[in-house]
N, C-alpha and C. Protein backbone atom coordinates (compact mmCIF):
# COMPACT_ATOMS: atom_id res chain seq x y z
N MET A 1 -4.28 -0.29 -3.75
CA MET A 1 -3.94 -1.75 -3.45
C MET A 1 -4.26 -2.28 -5.09
N SER A 2 -3.33 -3.31 -5.21
CA SER A 2 -3.51 -3.69 -6.55
C SER A 2 -4.68 -4.78 -6.36
N THR A 3 -5.64 -5.51 -7.31
CA THR A 3 -6.45 -6.19 -7.36
C THR A 3 -6.20 -7.77 -8.19
N PHE A 4 -7.00 -8.65 -7.37
CA PHE A 4 -6.97 -9.99 -7.83
C PHE A 4 -8.08 -11.08 -7.43
N GLU A 5 -8.02 -12.03 -8.30
CA GLU A 5 -9.46 -12.44 -7.66
C GLU A 5 -9.60 -12.88 -6.53
N SER A 6 -11.00 -14.26 -6.15
CA SER A 6 -10.71 -14.07 -4.78
C SER A 6 -9.38 -15.84 -4.46
N PRO A 7 -9.04 -15.99 -3.00
CA PRO A 7 -7.72 -16.59 -2.74
C PRO A 7 -8.03 -17.82 -3.34
N PRO A 8 -7.18 -18.82 -3.64
CA PRO A 8 -7.20 -20.09 -4.11
C PRO A 8 -7.54 -21.12 -3.04
N ARG A 9 -8.08 -22.35 -3.26
CA ARG A 9 -8.03 -23.01 -2.13
C ARG A 9 -6.54 -23.59 -1.56
N GLY A 10 -6.98 -24.25 -0.56
CA GLY A 10 -5.85 -24.10 0.04
C GLY A 10 -4.83 -22.54 0.94
N VAL A 11 -4.27 -22.40 1.69
CA VAL A 11 -3.98 -21.27 2.35
C VAL A 11 -2.58 -20.95 2.16
N LEU A 12 -2.32 -19.69 1.97
CA LEU A 12 -0.63 -19.55 2.02
C LEU A 12 -0.19 -18.76 3.19
N GLY A 13 -0.44 -18.40 4.33
CA GLY A 13 -0.01 -18.05 5.29
C GLY A 13 0.33 -16.75 5.58
N LEU A 14 0.93 -16.09 6.51
CA LEU A 14 1.59 -14.83 6.47
C LEU A 14 3.23 -15.14 6.93
N GLY A 15 3.87 -14.54 6.05
CA GLY A 15 5.29 -14.24 6.30
C GLY A 15 5.82 -12.99 6.60
N ARG A 16 6.83 -13.05 7.47
CA ARG A 16 7.58 -11.62 7.73
C ARG A 16 9.19 -11.78 7.30
N PRO A 17 9.51 -11.30 6.12
CA PRO A 17 10.36 -11.22 5.68
C PRO A 17 11.53 -10.52 6.36
N ALA A 18 12.77 -10.79 6.33
CA ALA A 18 14.13 -10.12 7.18
C ALA A 18 14.63 -9.13 6.30
N ARG A 19 15.24 -8.28 6.95
CA ARG A 19 15.36 -6.37 6.27
C ARG A 19 16.21 -6.82 4.92
N PRO A 20 17.39 -7.64 5.20
CA PRO A 20 17.84 -8.14 3.71
C PRO A 20 17.14 -8.07 2.63
N ASP A 21 15.56 -9.11 2.50
CA ASP A 21 14.60 -8.78 1.35
C ASP A 21 14.11 -7.67 1.10
N THR A 22 14.79 -6.20 1.29
CA THR A 22 13.81 -5.14 1.13
C THR A 22 14.10 -4.81 -0.21
N ASP A 23 15.26 -4.94 -0.45
CA ASP A 23 15.37 -4.35 -2.20
C ASP A 23 14.56 -5.37 -3.01
N GLU A 24 14.59 -6.75 -2.85
CA GLU A 24 13.63 -7.79 -3.56
C GLU A 24 12.34 -7.24 -3.80
N LEU A 25 11.83 -6.91 -2.32
CA LEU A 25 10.09 -6.53 -1.80
C LEU A 25 10.25 -5.12 -2.88
N ALA A 26 11.22 -3.88 -2.80
CA ALA A 26 10.90 -2.88 -3.43
C ALA A 26 11.07 -3.13 -4.93
N ALA A 27 11.57 -4.21 -5.37
CA ALA A 27 11.54 -4.32 -7.07
C ALA A 27 10.27 -5.06 -7.20
N LEU A 28 9.28 -5.61 -6.05
CA LEU A 28 8.31 -6.46 -6.71
C LEU A 28 7.27 -5.56 -6.37
N LEU A 29 7.44 -4.48 -5.92
CA LEU A 29 6.18 -3.28 -5.64
C LEU A 29 6.58 -2.57 -7.46
N ALA A 30 7.58 -2.20 -7.38
CA ALA A 30 7.65 -1.28 -8.36
C ALA A 30 7.63 -2.02 -9.88
N ALA A 31 7.34 -3.57 -9.73
CA ALA A 31 6.81 -3.81 -10.93
C ALA A 31 5.59 -3.86 -11.07
N ALA A 32 4.92 -4.21 -9.70
CA ALA A 32 3.27 -4.20 -9.78
C ALA A 32 2.74 -2.88 -10.07
N PHE A 33 3.47 -1.98 -9.51
CA PHE A 33 2.71 -0.76 -9.50
C PHE A 33 3.21 0.39 -10.82
N HIS A 34 3.93 -0.46 -11.75
CA HIS A 34 4.67 0.76 -13.11
C HIS A 34 3.62 0.99 -13.75
N ASP A 35 2.56 0.48 -13.94
CA ASP A 35 1.64 1.11 -14.64
C ASP A 35 0.22 1.67 -14.15
N ASP A 36 0.02 1.85 -12.66
CA ASP A 36 -0.79 2.30 -11.89
C ASP A 36 -1.08 3.44 -11.98
N PRO A 37 -2.30 4.24 -12.10
CA PRO A 37 -2.44 5.66 -12.06
C PRO A 37 -1.53 6.64 -11.21
N LEU A 38 -1.69 6.16 -10.36
CA LEU A 38 -0.49 6.95 -9.11
C LEU A 38 0.71 7.38 -9.84
N THR A 39 1.39 5.89 -9.94
CA THR A 39 2.61 6.25 -10.49
C THR A 39 3.24 6.60 -11.93
N ARG A 40 2.00 6.26 -12.42
CA ARG A 40 2.28 7.28 -13.96
C ARG A 40 2.08 8.73 -13.76
N TRP A 41 1.08 9.27 -12.97
CA TRP A 41 0.76 10.49 -12.55
C TRP A 41 2.27 11.21 -11.87
N ILE A 42 2.74 10.70 -10.96
CA ILE A 42 4.03 11.08 -10.48
C ILE A 42 5.37 11.11 -11.29
N ILE A 43 5.14 10.47 -12.20
CA ILE A 43 6.42 9.86 -12.83
C ILE A 43 5.81 9.35 -14.39
N PRO A 44 5.76 10.67 -15.43
CA PRO A 44 4.85 10.18 -16.76
C PRO A 44 5.95 9.10 -17.68
N ASP A 45 7.03 9.63 -17.59
CA ASP A 45 8.14 8.77 -18.67
C ASP A 45 8.53 7.23 -18.36
N ASP A 46 7.94 6.31 -18.84
CA ASP A 46 8.21 4.83 -18.81
C ASP A 46 9.29 4.49 -17.97
N ARG A 47 10.49 5.04 -18.70
CA ARG A 47 11.80 4.57 -18.85
C ARG A 47 11.90 5.40 -17.29
N THR A 48 12.05 6.04 -16.81
CA THR A 48 11.99 6.94 -15.80
C THR A 48 11.65 6.57 -14.66
N ARG A 49 10.29 6.16 -14.48
CA ARG A 49 9.43 5.50 -13.96
C ARG A 49 9.89 4.44 -13.08
N ALA A 50 10.34 3.62 -14.62
CA ALA A 50 11.07 1.79 -14.13
C ALA A 50 12.03 2.28 -13.43
N GLU A 51 12.98 3.21 -13.57
CA GLU A 51 14.28 3.43 -12.77
C GLU A 51 14.28 3.94 -11.39
N LEU A 52 12.95 4.70 -11.03
CA LEU A 52 12.99 5.33 -9.77
C LEU A 52 12.34 5.01 -8.83
N LEU A 53 11.17 3.92 -9.45
CA LEU A 53 10.26 3.65 -8.71
C LEU A 53 10.70 2.23 -7.57
N PRO A 54 11.74 1.72 -7.85
CA PRO A 54 12.78 0.69 -6.71
C PRO A 54 13.33 1.40 -5.64
N GLY A 55 13.34 2.75 -5.62
CA GLY A 55 13.77 3.33 -4.61
C GLY A 55 13.04 4.25 -3.73
N LEU A 56 12.03 4.04 -4.66
CA LEU A 56 10.61 5.08 -3.88
C LEU A 56 10.03 3.64 -3.12
N PHE A 57 9.74 2.60 -3.15
CA PHE A 57 9.26 1.67 -2.89
C PHE A 57 10.20 1.13 -1.76
N ARG A 58 11.53 1.40 -2.08
CA ARG A 58 12.77 0.95 -0.93
C ARG A 58 12.31 1.29 0.36
N ILE A 59 12.07 2.94 0.50
CA ILE A 59 11.64 3.52 1.34
C ILE A 59 10.44 3.33 1.97
N PHE A 60 8.94 2.91 1.56
CA PHE A 60 7.80 2.08 2.09
C PHE A 60 8.13 1.27 3.40
N VAL A 61 8.44 0.18 1.89
CA VAL A 61 9.32 -1.04 2.58
C VAL A 61 10.27 -1.01 4.35
N ASP A 62 10.88 0.14 4.53
CA ASP A 62 11.60 0.19 5.21
C ASP A 62 11.00 0.64 6.34
N VAL A 63 10.05 1.43 6.04
CA VAL A 63 8.75 2.11 7.42
C VAL A 63 8.33 0.98 7.73
N SER A 64 7.63 0.20 6.93
CA SER A 64 6.35 -0.78 7.26
C SER A 64 7.44 -1.58 7.85
N HIS A 65 8.56 -2.39 7.67
CA HIS A 65 9.63 -2.83 8.38
C HIS A 65 10.10 -2.74 9.72
N ASP A 66 10.44 -1.49 10.13
CA ASP A 66 9.84 -0.60 11.48
C ASP A 66 8.65 -1.03 12.68
N TYR A 67 7.76 -1.42 11.61
CA TYR A 67 6.46 -1.99 12.63
C TYR A 67 5.99 -3.17 12.47
N ASP A 68 6.86 -3.80 12.16
CA ASP A 68 6.59 -5.26 11.66
C ASP A 68 4.98 -5.38 10.67
N GLY A 69 5.41 -4.75 9.73
CA GLY A 69 4.06 -4.33 8.91
C GLY A 69 4.28 -4.74 7.47
N VAL A 70 4.82 -5.79 7.35
CA VAL A 70 5.43 -6.39 6.00
C VAL A 70 4.89 -7.72 5.77
N ALA A 71 3.80 -7.96 5.11
CA ALA A 71 3.14 -9.32 5.09
C ALA A 71 3.56 -10.09 3.11
N LEU A 72 4.10 -11.52 3.17
CA LEU A 72 4.65 -11.83 2.67
C LEU A 72 3.98 -13.09 2.46
N SER A 73 3.23 -13.80 1.23
CA SER A 73 3.24 -14.80 0.69
C SER A 73 4.44 -15.71 0.74
N PRO A 74 4.21 -17.12 1.24
CA PRO A 74 4.97 -18.31 1.31
C PRO A 74 5.83 -18.22 -0.03
N CYS A 75 5.23 -18.19 -1.01
CA CYS A 75 5.86 -18.09 -2.40
C CYS A 75 6.88 -16.89 -2.71
N GLY A 76 6.61 -15.88 -2.09
CA GLY A 76 7.38 -14.92 -2.22
C GLY A 76 6.95 -13.97 -3.35
N ASP A 77 5.70 -14.33 -4.14
CA ASP A 77 4.84 -13.49 -4.84
C ASP A 77 4.44 -12.73 -4.61
N ALA A 78 3.74 -12.35 -3.58
CA ALA A 78 2.85 -11.08 -3.22
C ALA A 78 3.03 -10.21 -1.74
N VAL A 79 3.27 -9.22 -1.24
CA VAL A 79 3.64 -8.51 -0.44
C VAL A 79 2.72 -7.52 -0.26
N MET A 80 2.42 -7.33 1.14
CA MET A 80 1.60 -6.30 1.54
C MET A 80 2.28 -5.66 2.63
N LEU A 81 2.13 -4.11 2.73
CA LEU A 81 2.82 -3.29 3.50
C LEU A 81 1.27 -2.83 4.19
N PHE A 82 1.98 -2.34 5.72
CA PHE A 82 0.47 -2.19 6.66
C PHE A 82 1.66 -1.56 7.92
N LEU A 83 0.71 -0.67 8.59
CA LEU A 83 1.29 -0.11 9.67
C LEU A 83 -0.01 -0.17 10.68
N PRO A 84 0.39 -0.68 11.81
CA PRO A 84 -0.54 -1.51 12.73
C PRO A 84 -1.15 -0.09 13.71
N PRO A 85 -2.03 -0.82 14.58
CA PRO A 85 -2.46 0.52 15.12
C PRO A 85 -1.79 1.91 15.76
N GLY A 86 -1.88 3.08 15.75
CA GLY A 86 -0.82 4.13 16.62
C GLY A 86 0.15 4.23 15.97
N ALA A 87 0.72 3.39 14.73
CA ALA A 87 1.63 3.69 14.07
C ALA A 87 1.65 4.94 13.14
N SER A 88 0.65 5.39 12.68
CA SER A 88 0.83 6.19 11.34
C SER A 88 0.97 7.42 11.89
N LYS A 89 0.35 7.63 13.28
CA LYS A 89 1.16 8.88 14.23
C LYS A 89 2.85 9.01 13.79
N GLU A 90 2.73 7.85 14.35
CA GLU A 90 4.76 7.68 14.72
C GLU A 90 5.49 8.40 13.19
N VAL A 91 5.11 7.76 12.53
CA VAL A 91 5.19 8.00 11.00
C VAL A 91 4.94 9.60 10.64
N ASP A 92 3.82 9.84 10.75
CA ASP A 92 4.06 11.33 10.63
C ASP A 92 4.74 12.52 11.38
N ALA A 93 4.99 11.90 12.28
CA ALA A 93 6.31 12.91 13.00
C ALA A 93 7.57 12.55 12.51
N ARG A 94 7.97 12.01 11.96
CA ARG A 94 8.91 11.20 11.03
C ARG A 94 8.78 12.28 9.38
N GLY A 95 7.92 13.02 9.23
CA GLY A 95 7.97 13.53 8.13
C GLY A 95 9.10 14.37 7.54
N ASP A 96 9.96 15.34 8.22
CA ASP A 96 11.18 15.85 7.40
C ASP A 96 12.20 14.92 7.27
N GLU A 97 12.40 13.52 7.77
CA GLU A 97 13.19 12.49 7.85
C GLU A 97 12.50 11.96 6.05
N LEU A 98 11.30 11.33 6.66
CA LEU A 98 10.83 10.68 5.05
C LEU A 98 11.14 11.85 3.88
N GLU A 99 10.75 12.88 4.02
CA GLU A 99 10.78 14.13 2.91
C GLU A 99 11.75 13.97 2.64
N GLN A 100 12.68 14.27 3.02
CA GLN A 100 14.48 14.09 2.28
C GLN A 100 14.58 12.58 1.51
N ARG A 101 14.14 11.40 2.32
CA ARG A 101 14.36 10.56 1.70
C ARG A 101 13.93 10.52 0.28
N PHE A 102 12.43 10.90 0.12
CA PHE A 102 11.81 10.90 -1.19
C PHE A 102 12.40 11.75 -2.09
N ALA A 103 12.99 12.98 -1.47
CA ALA A 103 13.53 14.15 -2.57
C ALA A 103 14.87 13.07 -3.65
N ASP A 104 15.69 12.79 -2.39
CA ASP A 104 16.73 11.43 -2.86
C ASP A 104 16.23 10.84 -4.13
N ALA A 105 15.80 9.95 -3.23
CA ALA A 105 14.60 9.19 -4.32
C ALA A 105 14.13 9.25 -5.82
N LEU A 106 13.40 10.79 -6.04
CA LEU A 106 12.43 10.55 -6.69
C LEU A 106 13.08 12.19 -7.52
N GLY A 107 13.77 12.94 -7.02
CA GLY A 107 14.50 14.00 -7.43
C GLY A 107 13.19 14.79 -8.21
N GLU A 108 13.19 15.29 -9.02
CA GLU A 108 12.04 16.47 -9.72
C GLU A 108 10.66 15.82 -9.33
N TYR A 109 10.68 14.53 -9.45
CA TYR A 109 9.42 14.48 -9.15
C TYR A 109 8.76 14.23 -7.42
N ALA A 110 9.42 14.62 -6.40
CA ALA A 110 9.35 14.45 -5.06
C ALA A 110 8.13 15.40 -5.21
N GLY A 111 7.65 16.74 -5.73
CA GLY A 111 7.02 17.06 -5.18
C GLY A 111 5.90 16.56 -5.61
N ALA A 112 5.13 15.87 -6.56
CA ALA A 112 3.80 15.24 -6.79
C ALA A 112 3.89 14.07 -6.28
N LEU A 113 5.10 13.68 -5.42
CA LEU A 113 4.65 12.78 -4.24
C LEU A 113 4.10 13.62 -3.23
N GLY A 114 4.72 14.26 -3.17
CA GLY A 114 4.34 15.13 -1.67
C GLY A 114 3.12 15.74 -1.95
N THR A 115 2.33 15.89 -2.96
CA THR A 115 1.12 16.29 -3.46
C THR A 115 0.38 15.50 -2.54
N ILE A 116 0.31 13.89 -3.64
CA ILE A 116 -0.46 12.90 -2.86
C ILE A 116 -0.37 12.41 -1.39
N VAL A 117 0.88 12.60 -1.02
CA VAL A 117 1.15 12.29 0.65
C VAL A 117 0.12 13.43 1.14
N GLY A 118 0.18 14.64 1.19
CA GLY A 118 -0.45 15.58 1.66
C GLY A 118 -1.80 15.35 1.42
N LEU A 119 -2.97 15.26 0.49
CA LEU A 119 -4.20 14.84 -0.03
C LEU A 119 -4.41 13.74 1.13
N GLN A 120 -3.68 12.64 1.19
CA GLN A 120 -3.89 11.43 1.89
C GLN A 120 -4.05 11.79 3.42
N ALA A 121 -3.12 12.40 3.88
CA ALA A 121 -2.54 12.91 5.06
C ALA A 121 -4.20 13.82 5.88
N GLU A 122 -4.65 14.56 4.70
CA GLU A 122 -6.07 15.50 4.72
C GLU A 122 -7.15 14.63 5.39
N ARG A 123 -7.26 13.23 4.82
CA ARG A 123 -8.04 13.01 4.93
C ARG A 123 -8.04 11.25 5.61
N HIS A 124 -6.74 11.14 6.39
CA HIS A 124 -6.66 9.82 7.26
C HIS A 124 -7.30 9.95 8.36
N PRO A 125 -8.00 9.16 8.47
CA PRO A 125 -8.86 8.98 9.78
C PRO A 125 -8.28 9.48 10.74
N ALA A 126 -8.46 10.11 11.68
CA ALA A 126 -7.70 10.71 13.14
C ALA A 126 -7.91 9.75 14.10
N GLY A 127 -8.78 8.60 14.01
CA GLY A 127 -9.22 7.78 15.20
C GLY A 127 -10.44 7.04 14.94
N PRO A 128 -10.75 6.24 15.41
CA PRO A 128 -9.94 5.06 16.43
C PRO A 128 -8.78 4.88 15.96
N PRO A 129 -7.77 3.92 16.76
CA PRO A 129 -6.62 3.04 16.27
C PRO A 129 -7.23 2.05 15.33
N HIS A 130 -6.32 2.06 14.23
CA HIS A 130 -6.65 1.02 13.00
C HIS A 130 -5.22 0.64 12.24
N TYR A 131 -5.74 -0.01 11.69
CA TYR A 131 -4.61 -0.72 10.53
C TYR A 131 -4.40 -0.18 9.36
N TYR A 132 -3.49 0.19 8.75
CA TYR A 132 -3.62 0.91 7.35
C TYR A 132 -2.92 -0.03 6.77
N ALA A 133 -3.74 -0.74 5.43
CA ALA A 133 -3.03 -0.86 4.75
C ALA A 133 -2.27 -0.43 3.35
N SER A 134 -1.13 -0.48 3.59
CA SER A 134 -1.01 0.87 2.47
C SER A 134 -0.03 0.68 1.15
N PHE A 135 -0.31 -0.65 1.16
CA PHE A 135 0.08 -0.88 -0.82
C PHE A 135 0.18 -2.50 -0.34
N GLY A 136 -0.44 -3.12 -1.58
CA GLY A 136 -0.32 -4.56 -1.51
C GLY A 136 0.12 -4.74 -3.25
N ALA A 137 0.74 -5.81 -3.59
CA ALA A 137 1.12 -5.99 -4.78
C ALA A 137 1.40 -7.87 -4.49
N VAL A 138 1.52 -7.71 -6.57
CA VAL A 138 1.63 -9.55 -6.70
C VAL A 138 2.58 -9.30 -8.12
N ARG A 139 3.69 -10.20 -8.45
CA ARG A 139 4.75 -9.93 -9.02
C ARG A 139 3.61 -10.16 -10.39
N PRO A 140 4.15 -9.69 -11.18
CA PRO A 140 3.25 -9.36 -12.72
C PRO A 140 3.00 -10.99 -13.04
N ALA A 141 3.51 -11.50 -13.54
CA ALA A 141 3.09 -13.24 -13.84
C ALA A 141 2.27 -13.78 -12.89
N ARG A 142 2.52 -13.76 -11.72
CA ARG A 142 1.18 -14.26 -10.45
C ARG A 142 0.07 -13.44 -10.45
N GLN A 143 -0.31 -12.71 -11.03
CA GLN A 143 -1.40 -11.91 -10.41
C GLN A 143 -2.48 -12.91 -11.48
N ARG A 144 -3.58 -12.32 -10.67
CA ARG A 144 -5.06 -12.69 -10.69
C ARG A 144 -5.12 -14.39 -10.34
N ASN A 145 -4.10 -14.77 -9.17
CA ASN A 145 -3.76 -15.81 -8.59
C ASN A 145 -4.72 -15.98 -7.13
N GLY A 146 -5.28 -15.03 -6.80
CA GLY A 146 -5.90 -14.67 -5.33
C GLY A 146 -4.56 -14.65 -4.31
N LEU A 147 -3.82 -14.28 -4.90
CA LEU A 147 -2.48 -14.37 -3.36
C LEU A 147 -2.74 -12.84 -2.77
N LEU A 148 -3.38 -11.91 -3.18
CA LEU A 148 -3.06 -10.72 -2.52
C LEU A 148 -4.37 -11.01 -1.05
N SER A 149 -5.52 -11.54 -1.91
CA SER A 149 -6.58 -11.66 -1.08
C SER A 149 -6.37 -12.24 0.19
N VAL A 150 -5.32 -13.31 -0.14
CA VAL A 150 -4.87 -13.99 1.31
C VAL A 150 -4.81 -13.36 1.85
N LEU A 151 -3.40 -12.54 1.39
CA LEU A 151 -2.61 -11.23 2.70
C LEU A 151 -3.95 -10.61 3.30
N LEU A 152 -4.76 -10.00 2.40
CA LEU A 152 -5.61 -9.10 3.00
C LEU A 152 -6.43 -9.50 4.36
N GLN A 153 -6.61 -11.09 3.53
CA GLN A 153 -7.86 -11.65 4.57
C GLN A 153 -7.00 -12.07 5.98
N GLU A 154 -6.14 -12.00 6.30
CA GLU A 154 -5.13 -12.30 7.01
C GLU A 154 -5.34 -11.18 7.95
N LEU A 155 -5.05 -9.86 7.33
CA LEU A 155 -4.69 -8.80 8.23
C LEU A 155 -6.26 -8.12 8.44
N VAL A 156 -6.99 -8.39 8.15
CA VAL A 156 -8.19 -8.01 8.47
C VAL A 156 -8.85 -9.26 9.50
N ASP A 157 -8.59 -10.33 9.56
CA ASP A 157 -8.60 -11.32 10.80
C ASP A 157 -7.90 -11.07 11.72
N ARG A 158 -6.56 -10.83 11.86
CA ARG A 158 -5.48 -10.13 12.61
C ARG A 158 -6.44 -8.67 13.41
N ALA A 159 -6.75 -8.12 12.59
CA ALA A 159 -7.46 -6.92 13.07
C ALA A 159 -8.93 -7.35 14.09
N ASP A 160 -9.64 -8.20 13.17
CA ASP A 160 -11.09 -8.26 13.95
C ASP A 160 -10.39 -9.13 15.37
N ARG A 161 -9.54 -10.09 15.60
CA ARG A 161 -9.01 -10.82 16.86
C ARG A 161 -8.89 -9.89 17.81
N GLU A 162 -7.73 -8.15 17.50
CA GLU A 162 -7.74 -7.63 18.31
C GLU A 162 -8.55 -6.57 17.79
N GLY A 163 -9.80 -6.54 17.26
CA GLY A 163 -10.74 -5.77 17.92
C GLY A 163 -10.54 -3.75 17.07
N HIS A 164 -9.65 -3.85 16.22
CA HIS A 164 -9.24 -2.89 15.65
C HIS A 164 -10.15 -2.72 14.46
N PRO A 165 -10.21 -1.70 13.92
CA PRO A 165 -11.12 -1.18 12.19
C PRO A 165 -9.27 -1.54 11.52
N ALA A 166 -9.88 -1.00 10.08
CA ALA A 166 -8.52 -1.25 9.61
C ALA A 166 -8.96 -0.30 8.21
N TYR A 167 -8.03 0.79 7.58
CA TYR A 167 -8.05 1.35 6.75
C TYR A 167 -7.10 1.22 5.40
N ALA A 168 -7.69 1.63 4.35
CA ALA A 168 -6.96 1.56 3.07
C ALA A 168 -7.34 2.65 1.74
N GLU A 169 -6.85 2.76 1.19
CA GLU A 169 -6.99 3.56 -0.33
C GLU A 169 -6.83 2.91 -1.77
N ALA A 170 -7.75 3.03 -2.36
CA ALA A 170 -7.79 1.65 -3.91
C ALA A 170 -7.81 3.05 -4.69
N SER A 171 -6.71 2.47 -5.40
CA SER A 171 -6.43 3.25 -6.24
C SER A 171 -6.74 2.59 -7.91
N SER A 172 -7.41 1.71 -8.09
CA SER A 172 -8.02 1.08 -9.40
C SER A 172 -9.21 0.60 -8.60
N PRO A 173 -10.01 -0.01 -10.07
CA PRO A 173 -11.53 -0.53 -9.70
C PRO A 173 -11.39 -1.64 -9.01
N GLY A 174 -9.93 -2.58 -9.07
CA GLY A 174 -10.08 -3.90 -8.73
C GLY A 174 -9.47 -3.53 -7.49
N GLY A 175 -8.82 -2.93 -6.95
CA GLY A 175 -8.10 -2.40 -5.56
C GLY A 175 -9.38 -2.01 -5.01
N GLU A 176 -10.29 -1.30 -5.26
CA GLU A 176 -11.57 -1.28 -4.82
C GLU A 176 -12.52 -2.80 -4.51
N ALA A 177 -12.28 -3.18 -5.36
CA ALA A 177 -13.27 -4.59 -5.51
C ALA A 177 -12.68 -6.03 -4.55
N LEU A 178 -11.15 -5.93 -4.46
CA LEU A 178 -10.79 -6.39 -3.30
C LEU A 178 -10.60 -5.91 -2.18
N CYS A 179 -10.56 -4.89 -1.99
CA CYS A 179 -11.52 -4.20 -0.35
C CYS A 179 -12.85 -4.92 -0.02
N LEU A 180 -13.81 -4.55 -1.06
CA LEU A 180 -15.22 -4.48 -0.81
C LEU A 180 -15.39 -6.23 -0.36
N ARG A 181 -14.55 -6.84 -1.16
CA ARG A 181 -14.90 -8.61 -0.78
C ARG A 181 -14.45 -9.03 0.73
N GLN A 182 -13.99 -7.56 1.30
CA GLN A 182 -13.04 -8.01 2.63
C GLN A 182 -13.88 -7.24 3.98
N ASP A 183 -15.18 -6.35 3.15
CA ASP A 183 -16.11 -6.05 3.82
C ASP A 183 -15.29 -4.61 4.27
N PHE A 184 -14.94 -3.96 3.65
CA PHE A 184 -14.63 -2.34 3.60
C PHE A 184 -15.89 -1.43 2.65
N VAL A 185 -15.71 -0.35 3.30
CA VAL A 185 -17.09 0.21 2.95
C VAL A 185 -16.40 1.86 2.42
N PRO A 186 -16.85 2.85 1.46
CA PRO A 186 -16.30 3.79 0.84
C PRO A 186 -16.52 4.88 2.51
N LEU A 187 -15.35 5.56 2.70
CA LEU A 187 -15.23 6.40 3.76
C LEU A 187 -15.31 7.76 2.88
N GLY A 188 -16.41 8.81 2.99
CA GLY A 188 -16.45 10.00 2.46
C GLY A 188 -16.17 9.68 0.75
N GLY A 189 -15.72 11.09 0.16
CA GLY A 189 -15.65 10.86 -1.13
C GLY A 189 -14.32 11.37 -1.72
N ASP A 190 -13.91 10.78 -3.20
CA ASP A 190 -12.38 10.16 -3.26
C ASP A 190 -11.53 11.33 -3.04
N ILE A 191 -10.34 10.72 -2.88
CA ILE A 191 -9.33 12.24 -3.13
C ILE A 191 -8.76 11.98 -4.34
N THR A 192 -8.89 13.24 -5.38
CA THR A 192 -8.73 13.64 -6.64
C THR A 192 -7.42 14.54 -7.14
N LEU A 193 -6.51 13.97 -7.31
CA LEU A 193 -5.16 14.72 -7.39
C LEU A 193 -5.50 16.11 -8.87
N PRO A 194 -4.78 16.82 -8.58
CA PRO A 194 -5.13 17.77 -9.32
C PRO A 194 -4.48 17.99 -10.98
N ASN A 195 -5.15 18.77 -11.65
CA ASN A 195 -4.66 19.03 -12.97
C ASN A 195 -5.15 17.42 -13.86
N GLY A 196 -6.33 17.15 -13.51
CA GLY A 196 -6.41 16.10 -14.30
C GLY A 196 -6.53 14.36 -13.66
N GLY A 197 -5.67 14.83 -12.65
CA GLY A 197 -4.95 13.66 -12.19
C GLY A 197 -5.83 12.41 -11.47
N PRO A 198 -5.67 11.16 -11.30
CA PRO A 198 -6.66 10.27 -11.01
C PRO A 198 -6.75 10.12 -9.62
N SER A 199 -7.80 9.48 -8.91
CA SER A 199 -8.16 9.48 -7.58
C SER A 199 -7.93 8.48 -7.07
N LEU A 200 -8.13 8.11 -5.58
CA LEU A 200 -8.01 7.49 -4.46
C LEU A 200 -9.09 7.62 -3.75
N ARG A 201 -9.77 6.06 -3.70
CA ARG A 201 -10.97 5.96 -2.66
C ARG A 201 -10.82 5.62 -1.41
N PRO A 202 -11.01 6.35 -0.28
CA PRO A 202 -10.84 5.84 1.00
C PRO A 202 -11.94 4.61 1.45
N LEU A 203 -11.49 4.06 2.16
CA LEU A 203 -12.12 2.37 2.23
C LEU A 203 -11.94 2.27 3.69
N TRP A 204 -12.86 2.14 4.44
CA TRP A 204 -13.06 1.71 6.08
C TRP A 204 -13.60 0.34 6.46
N ARG A 205 -13.18 0.02 7.15
CA ARG A 205 -13.43 -1.53 7.64
C ARG A 205 -13.57 -1.48 8.89
N ASP A 206 -15.17 -1.69 9.75
CA ASP A 206 -15.19 -1.98 11.59
C ASP A 206 -14.48 -3.40 11.48
N PRO A 207 -14.03 -3.53 12.87
CA PRO A 207 -13.99 -4.77 13.48
C PRO A 207 -14.95 -5.53 13.12
N ARG A 208 -15.07 -7.12 13.03
CA ARG A 208 -16.03 -7.78 12.96
C ARG A 208 -16.39 -8.75 14.11
């Protein structure tokens, strides 16, 4: 997840974009994650990464849309992708379909993504049913204004109302700090990618 400061005064509310917004949301995510350690590990070349990331994130947006798992700030500058309780197992069952889509989007770089996805699957909690915050992003020009903090707050509030835990993986210290402010705690050790690659930190939050 991306990282930002505490939420601003006033409240932004949760929005649910329609499917026609998929390309715009994918572009936002691609811009926000262009320099993320994970995407740099998948696609080392800056120019190639900029070309391929929108297609990759279009897949993730599509999947989250399928489960009403897209939260958008009213200003349209921040988005969070998540899966509600029970959806992760359904997504796992779509493995062959998604593997082909990833291959079409990334070509020779699909294997690196597959390594990450496989390691994530090994560590993803089997239960109890939980919300999974998979990606959070803010348009680069609007970062550090608390926009993502508001969306995460609303997601955990929803989880609390329903009595569900929440799970996330942080790819940066700032992403971890964002989750820790919402009472997530580390879950086991880090997920470390091979060949000197970066790490993901699994985080868990029990309902309040």
